[in-house]
């Protein structure tokens, strides 16, 4: 017996538009960043440093996986991690632009891409829920 969710995933990838492939790639990038944050963050926390990277990495990892699966929950998890990043950054360095730049610029750029991907993810959720309904 073949797993129906596996077939649905294959059909989703087979029939994906270019924009859906880009959103999938975005999810993969966020997942990989999350893995790096978790690994580095756990090491840093064990050395007595900030828990920010480990916590943020777990949220990024979950968000990336949800984006790969075509779920808007992934976008909202990433945007939550971005808000957490801004709070942490402001707490660490205050409003110094030169110090905020390395902490918040990259995540904010990805956040813009994630926000732009929400309509694509919503379309995917609607399409999959209507095809998978019994």
Protein backbone atom coordinates (compact mmCIF):
# COMPACT_ATOMS: atom_id res chain seq x y z
CA UNK A 1 0.00 0.00 0.00
CA UNK A 2 1.40 3.39 -1.02
CA UNK A 3 1.36 6.29 1.39
CA UNK A 4 -1.19 8.81 0.07
CA UNK A 5 0.62 11.77 1.65
CA UNK A 6 3.77 10.77 -0.24
CA UNK A 7 1.81 10.73 -3.49
CA UNK A 8 0.32 14.14 -2.69
CA UNK A 9 3.82 15.53 -2.07
CA UNK A 10 5.05 14.10 -5.37
CA UNK A 11 2.06 15.55 -7.25
CA UNK A 12 2.62 18.91 -5.56
CA UNK A 13 6.25 19.02 -6.68
CA UNK A 14 5.49 17.66 -10.14
CA UNK A 15 2.84 20.30 -10.84
CA UNK A 16 4.60 23.19 -9.09
CA UNK A 17 4.92 26.56 -10.76
CA UNK A 18 8.21 28.46 -10.88
CA UNK A 19 7.13 30.64 -7.94
CA UNK A 20 6.20 27.55 -5.91
CA UNK A 21 9.67 26.15 -6.58
CA UNK A 22 11.18 29.43 -5.35
CA UNK A 23 9.10 29.21 -2.16
CA UNK A 24 10.25 25.61 -1.73
CA UNK A 25 13.87 26.78 -2.14
CA UNK A 26 13.24 29.51 0.44
CA UNK A 27 11.98 26.83 2.84
CA UNK A 28 15.12 24.76 2.27
CA UNK A 29 17.35 27.79 2.93
CA UNK A 30 15.48 28.62 6.14
CA UNK A 31 15.69 24.98 7.27
CA UNK A 32 19.45 24.91 6.69
CA UNK A 33 19.91 28.20 8.55
CA UNK A 34 17.83 26.74 11.38
CA UNK A 35 20.06 23.65 11.56
CA UNK A 36 23.17 25.84 11.69
CA UNK A 37 21.62 28.03 14.39
CA UNK A 38 20.64 25.02 16.50
CA UNK A 39 24.10 23.43 16.28
CA UNK A 40 25.98 26.67 16.91
CA UNK A 41 23.45 27.88 19.46
CA UNK A 42 23.69 24.76 21.58
CA UNK A 43 27.49 25.03 21.55
CA UNK A 44 27.30 28.70 22.51
CA UNK A 45 24.77 28.05 25.28
CA UNK A 46 26.96 25.25 26.69
CA UNK A 47 29.83 27.73 26.87
CA UNK A 48 27.65 30.10 28.90
CA UNK A 49 26.54 32.33 26.02
CA UNK A 50 23.14 33.42 24.81
CA UNK A 51 20.33 30.92 24.26
CA UNK A 52 19.04 33.11 21.41
CA UNK A 53 20.61 31.06 18.62
CA UNK A 54 19.38 27.69 19.91
CA UNK A 55 15.82 28.93 20.46
CA UNK A 56 15.69 30.86 17.20
CA UNK A 57 17.22 27.91 15.36
CA UNK A 58 14.46 25.58 16.52
CA UNK A 59 11.79 28.02 15.36
CA UNK A 60 13.57 28.52 12.02
CA UNK A 61 13.91 24.78 11.56
CA UNK A 62 10.20 24.23 12.17
CA UNK A 63 9.28 27.21 10.00
CA UNK A 64 11.43 26.00 7.12
CA UNK A 65 9.93 22.51 7.25
CA UNK A 66 6.40 23.95 7.25
CA UNK A 67 7.26 26.16 4.26
CA UNK A 68 8.65 23.12 2.43
CA UNK A 69 5.34 21.37 3.15
CA UNK A 70 3.46 24.35 1.71
CA UNK A 71 1.98 25.58 4.99
CA UNK A 72 1.51 29.22 5.95
CA UNK A 73 2.37 28.25 9.53
CA UNK A 74 6.01 28.17 8.38
CA UNK A 75 5.88 31.79 7.24
CA UNK A 76 4.34 32.88 10.52
CA UNK A 77 6.94 30.94 12.52
CA UNK A 78 9.70 32.66 10.55
CA UNK A 79 8.13 36.08 11.05
CA UNK A 80 7.85 35.32 14.77
CA UNK A 81 11.53 34.41 14.84
CA UNK A 82 12.26 37.67 13.01
CA UNK A 83 10.37 39.65 15.65
CA UNK A 84 12.33 37.75 18.34
CA UNK A 85 15.54 38.60 16.48
CA UNK A 86 14.71 42.31 16.47
CA UNK A 87 13.85 42.28 20.19
CA UNK A 88 17.07 40.40 20.99
CA UNK A 89 19.13 42.70 18.75
CA UNK A 90 17.75 45.85 20.32
CA UNK A 91 18.31 44.41 23.78
CA UNK A 92 21.91 43.49 22.89
CA UNK A 93 23.05 46.68 21.15
CA UNK A 94 20.32 49.27 21.45
CA UNK A 95 19.52 51.51 18.51
CA UNK A 96 23.04 51.69 17.10
CA UNK A 97 22.60 51.18 13.33
CA UNK A 98 26.14 49.93 12.81
CA UNK A 99 25.64 47.24 15.47
CA UNK A 100 22.10 46.33 14.37
CA UNK A 101 23.12 45.79 10.75
CA UNK A 102 24.86 42.40 11.11
CA UNK A 103 22.21 41.10 13.51
CA UNK A 104 19.04 42.10 11.70
CA UNK A 105 19.73 42.91 8.03
CA UNK A 106 19.93 39.35 6.64
CA UNK A 107 17.00 37.99 8.65
CA UNK A 108 14.91 41.00 7.64
CA UNK A 109 15.67 40.47 3.94
CA UNK A 110 14.59 36.84 4.28
CA UNK A 111 11.55 38.05 6.20
CA UNK A 112 10.51 40.20 3.24
CA UNK A 113 10.76 37.16 0.97
CA UNK A 114 8.79 35.08 3.47
CA UNK A 115 6.08 37.73 3.71
CA UNK A 116 5.85 37.81 -0.09
CA UNK A 117 5.51 34.01 -0.13
CA UNK A 118 2.40 33.95 2.08
CA UNK A 119 -0.08 34.23 -0.84
CA UNK A 120 1.66 31.32 -2.61
CA UNK A 121 1.55 29.21 0.56
CA UNK A 122 -2.14 30.03 1.06
CA UNK A 123 -2.92 28.95 -2.50
CA UNK A 124 -1.03 25.71 -1.90
CA UNK A 125 -2.94 25.04 1.31
CA UNK A 126 -6.29 25.63 -0.37
CA UNK A 127 -5.37 23.44 -3.34
CA UNK A 128 -4.14 20.59 -1.13
CA UNK A 129 -7.03 20.74 1.29
CA UNK A 130 -9.61 20.68 -1.50
CA UNK A 131 -7.89 17.78 -3.31
CA UNK A 132 -7.29 15.84 -0.14
CA UNK A 133 -10.79 16.25 1.27
CA UNK A 134 -12.87 13.11 1.58
